Amino acid sequence: MDEPIEDLCPIQMLALAFPGNDFRGEILPELERLKSQGIVRVLDLMLVRKDGSGNVMVTTGTDLEWEEATALGSYFGGLAGFLAEGPDGFDRGAIAGAAEMADGHIFDDDDLFRITRALGNDTSAAVVLLEHTWLRPLHDAIARAGGVELTSEWVPPEAVLSLGEGNPDL
């Protein structure tokens, strides 16, 4: 990671289900293409496949090196500790967060348990944390101008027309 951990680009959590496990070999090559072009980076990925008999297969992945993963865990843990206990909780949270992410993954056994329980037989799920690295130049320009993010939301195209309805601020 070339930039300090607190300068991450926007992160999106994407959860997908695939009833019928009807894959055609298109998804992972497209993800690899986006990664190779510097458009996204996978912070964590968990794929869970349940076959027709309920047997589960799990695959995980990340683009983070060990140093990056522990730094990210320390950063997130420190923020969580600060939010929970104020300044006294920052250091404890940072240490706990670094230890938690030492394996390179944010998603854990609890997440796997919840996903597995929610999946029907013959269904797969993917949960991925994507860093949108394509936004780096804009992100940096906003920071240089002293900009502060007020909100950030993904809006599906079909919802665009309803954004201003009932909102006098828009």
Protein backbone atom coordinates (compact mmCIF):
# COMPACT_ATOMS: atom_id res chain seq x y z
CA MET A 1 0.00 0.00 0.00
CA ASP A 2 1.67 3.22 -1.14
CA GLU A 3 -0.56 5.64 0.76
CA PRO A 4 -1.08 5.88 4.52
CA ILE A 5 -3.85 3.60 5.70
CA GLU A 6 -6.11 6.50 6.64
CA ASP A 7 -6.00 7.68 3.00
CA LEU A 8 -7.95 4.72 1.68
CA CYS A 9 -10.23 5.39 -1.23
CA PRO A 10 -13.96 4.71 -0.77
CA ILE A 11 -14.73 1.15 0.26
CA GLN A 12 -17.82 -0.71 -0.90
CA MET A 13 -19.19 -3.89 0.65
CA LEU A 14 -20.95 -5.94 -1.98
CA ALA A 15 -22.96 -9.05 -1.05
CA LEU A 16 -24.26 -11.25 -3.85
CA ALA A 17 -26.27 -14.47 -4.04
CA PHE A 18 -26.23 -16.96 -6.90
CA PRO A 19 -29.22 -19.33 -6.76
CA GLY A 20 -28.55 -22.48 -8.75
CA ASN A 21 -24.76 -22.08 -8.78
CA ASP A 22 -24.98 -21.38 -12.53
CA PHE A 23 -21.52 -19.89 -13.16
CA ARG A 24 -19.98 -19.38 -16.59
CA GLY A 25 -16.43 -18.42 -15.59
CA GLU A 26 -16.90 -14.70 -16.23
CA ILE A 27 -16.84 -13.09 -12.79
CA LEU A 28 -13.33 -13.76 -11.47
CA PRO A 29 -11.61 -12.85 -14.77
CA GLU A 30 -13.51 -9.56 -14.80
CA LEU A 31 -12.53 -8.87 -11.19
CA GLU A 32 -8.89 -9.63 -12.08
CA ARG A 33 -9.12 -7.23 -15.04
CA LEU A 34 -10.43 -4.44 -12.80
CA LYS A 35 -7.68 -5.11 -10.28
CA SER A 36 -4.92 -5.19 -12.90
CA GLN A 37 -6.08 -1.84 -14.29
CA GLY A 38 -5.97 -0.24 -10.83
CA ILE A 39 -9.72 0.33 -10.75
CA VAL A 40 -10.42 -1.69 -7.59
CA ARG A 41 -8.53 -3.53 -4.89
CA VAL A 42 -9.99 -6.42 -2.92
CA LEU A 43 -9.63 -5.78 0.81
CA ASP A 44 -11.45 -9.01 1.62
CA LEU A 45 -13.45 -11.62 -0.24
CA MET A 46 -15.44 -14.61 0.99
CA LEU A 47 -17.10 -17.03 -1.41
CA VAL A 48 -19.47 -19.60 0.08
CA ARG A 49 -20.93 -22.36 -2.08
CA LYS A 50 -23.61 -24.73 -0.82
CA ASP A 51 -24.35 -27.73 -3.01
CA GLY A 52 -27.67 -29.52 -3.45
CA SER A 53 -27.02 -31.67 -0.36
CA GLY A 54 -26.09 -28.73 1.87
CA ASN A 55 -22.32 -29.33 1.81
CA VAL A 56 -20.38 -26.06 2.09
CA MET A 57 -17.19 -24.95 0.37
CA VAL A 58 -15.51 -21.68 1.38
CA THR A 59 -12.88 -19.69 -0.49
CA THR A 60 -11.33 -16.45 0.72
CA GLY A 61 -9.05 -13.90 -0.87
CA THR A 62 -7.44 -10.52 -0.34
CA ASP A 63 -5.03 -8.21 -2.13
CA LEU A 64 -3.51 -7.09 1.18
CA GLU A 65 0.00 -8.05 2.23
CA TRP A 66 0.50 -8.92 5.91
CA GLU A 67 1.84 -5.44 6.76
CA GLU A 68 -1.10 -3.79 5.03
CA ALA A 69 -3.64 -6.07 6.70
CA THR A 70 -2.29 -5.47 10.22
CA ALA A 71 -2.05 -1.71 9.58
CA LEU A 72 -5.64 -1.67 8.34
CA GLY A 73 -6.76 -3.75 11.33
CA SER A 74 -4.92 -1.41 13.70
CA TYR A 75 -6.54 1.62 12.07
CA PHE A 76 -10.07 0.19 12.15
CA GLY A 77 -9.55 -1.22 15.67
CA GLY A 78 -8.25 2.10 16.95
CA LEU A 79 -11.28 3.91 15.54
CA ALA A 80 -13.64 1.33 17.06
CA GLY A 81 -11.86 1.57 20.42
CA PHE A 82 -12.06 5.35 20.35
CA LEU A 83 -15.77 5.28 19.52
CA ALA A 84 -16.46 2.75 22.28
CA GLU A 85 -14.29 4.14 25.09
CA GLY A 86 -12.92 7.50 24.00
CA PRO A 87 -9.17 8.21 23.87
CA ASP A 88 -8.43 5.47 26.42
CA GLY A 89 -9.83 2.83 24.08
CA PHE A 90 -7.80 3.81 21.03
CA ASP A 91 -4.60 1.90 21.82
CA ARG A 92 -6.39 -1.24 23.02
CA GLY A 93 -8.58 -1.19 19.93
CA ALA A 94 -5.58 -0.70 17.63
CA ILE A 95 -3.75 -3.70 19.13
CA ALA A 96 -6.86 -5.89 18.99
CA GLY A 97 -7.60 -4.81 15.41
CA ALA A 98 -4.08 -5.58 14.20
CA ALA A 99 -4.24 -9.04 15.79
CA GLU A 100 -7.68 -9.69 14.30
CA MET A 101 -6.50 -8.85 10.76
CA ALA A 102 -3.17 -10.67 10.98
CA ASP A 103 -4.65 -13.40 8.77
CA GLY A 104 -5.46 -10.75 6.14
CA HIS A 105 -9.25 -11.02 6.47
CA ILE A 106 -11.98 -8.80 7.86
CA PHE A 107 -14.70 -11.40 7.36
CA ASP A 108 -14.56 -14.00 10.12
CA ASP A 109 -16.16 -17.25 11.28
CA ASP A 110 -19.24 -15.40 12.54
CA ASP A 111 -19.78 -13.96 9.05
CA LEU A 112 -19.31 -17.41 7.54
CA PHE A 113 -21.84 -18.87 9.98
CA ARG A 114 -24.45 -16.21 9.15
CA ILE A 115 -23.95 -16.58 5.40
CA THR A 116 -24.10 -20.37 5.56
CA ARG A 117 -27.29 -20.31 7.61
CA ALA A 118 -28.94 -17.86 5.21
CA LEU A 119 -28.07 -19.83 2.05
CA GLY A 120 -30.42 -22.40 0.66
CA ASN A 121 -29.06 -25.56 -0.90
CA ASP A 122 -27.61 -25.20 -4.40
CA THR A 123 -26.80 -21.53 -3.81
CA SER A 124 -23.59 -19.54 -3.56
CA ALA A 125 -22.83 -16.19 -1.98
CA ALA A 126 -19.99 -13.73 -2.35
CA VAL A 127 -19.17 -10.95 0.07
CA VAL A 128 -16.42 -8.58 -0.99
CA LEU A 129 -14.92 -5.36 0.33
CA LEU A 130 -13.71 -3.35 -2.66
CA GLU A 131 -11.54 -0.26 -2.41
CA HIS A 132 -12.35 1.98 -5.36
CA THR A 133 -8.80 2.98 -6.26
CA TRP A 134 -9.95 4.69 -9.47
CA LEU A 135 -11.11 7.53 -7.22
CA ARG A 136 -7.56 8.28 -5.95
CA PRO A 137 -6.97 11.43 -8.10
CA LEU A 138 -10.37 12.90 -7.19
CA HIS A 139 -9.95 11.88 -3.54
CA ASP A 140 -6.56 13.64 -3.41
CA ALA A 141 -7.88 16.78 -5.14
CA ILE A 142 -10.75 17.02 -2.65
CA ALA A 143 -8.30 16.64 0.25
CA ARG A 144 -6.01 19.36 -1.16
CA ALA A 145 -9.03 21.68 -1.36
CA GLY A 146 -9.90 20.98 2.28
CA GLY A 147 -13.06 19.09 1.35
CA VAL A 148 -14.82 16.96 3.94
CA GLU A 149 -17.15 14.14 2.95
CA LEU A 150 -20.66 14.70 4.27
CA THR A 151 -22.25 11.56 2.90
CA SER A 152 -21.59 8.84 0.36
CA GLU A 153 -24.19 6.45 -0.97
CA TRP A 154 -24.50 4.10 -3.91
CA VAL A 155 -27.73 4.84 -5.74
CA PRO A 156 -29.13 2.26 -8.16
CA PRO A 157 -30.15 3.80 -11.50
CA GLU A 158 -33.83 3.02 -10.96
CA ALA A 159 -33.82 5.07 -7.75
CA VAL A 160 -32.30 8.26 -9.21
CA LEU A 161 -35.65 9.87 -10.08
CA SER A 162 -36.91 9.46 -6.51
CA LEU A 163 -33.86 11.05 -4.82
CA GLY A 164 -35.41 14.49 -4.42
CA GLU A 165 -38.95 13.35 -3.57
CA GLY A 166 -39.96 14.58 -0.17
CA ASN A 167 -36.51 16.07 0.51
CA PRO A 168 -36.62 19.89 0.56
CA ASP A 169 -32.80 20.02 0.64
CA LEU A 170 -32.48 18.61 -2.86
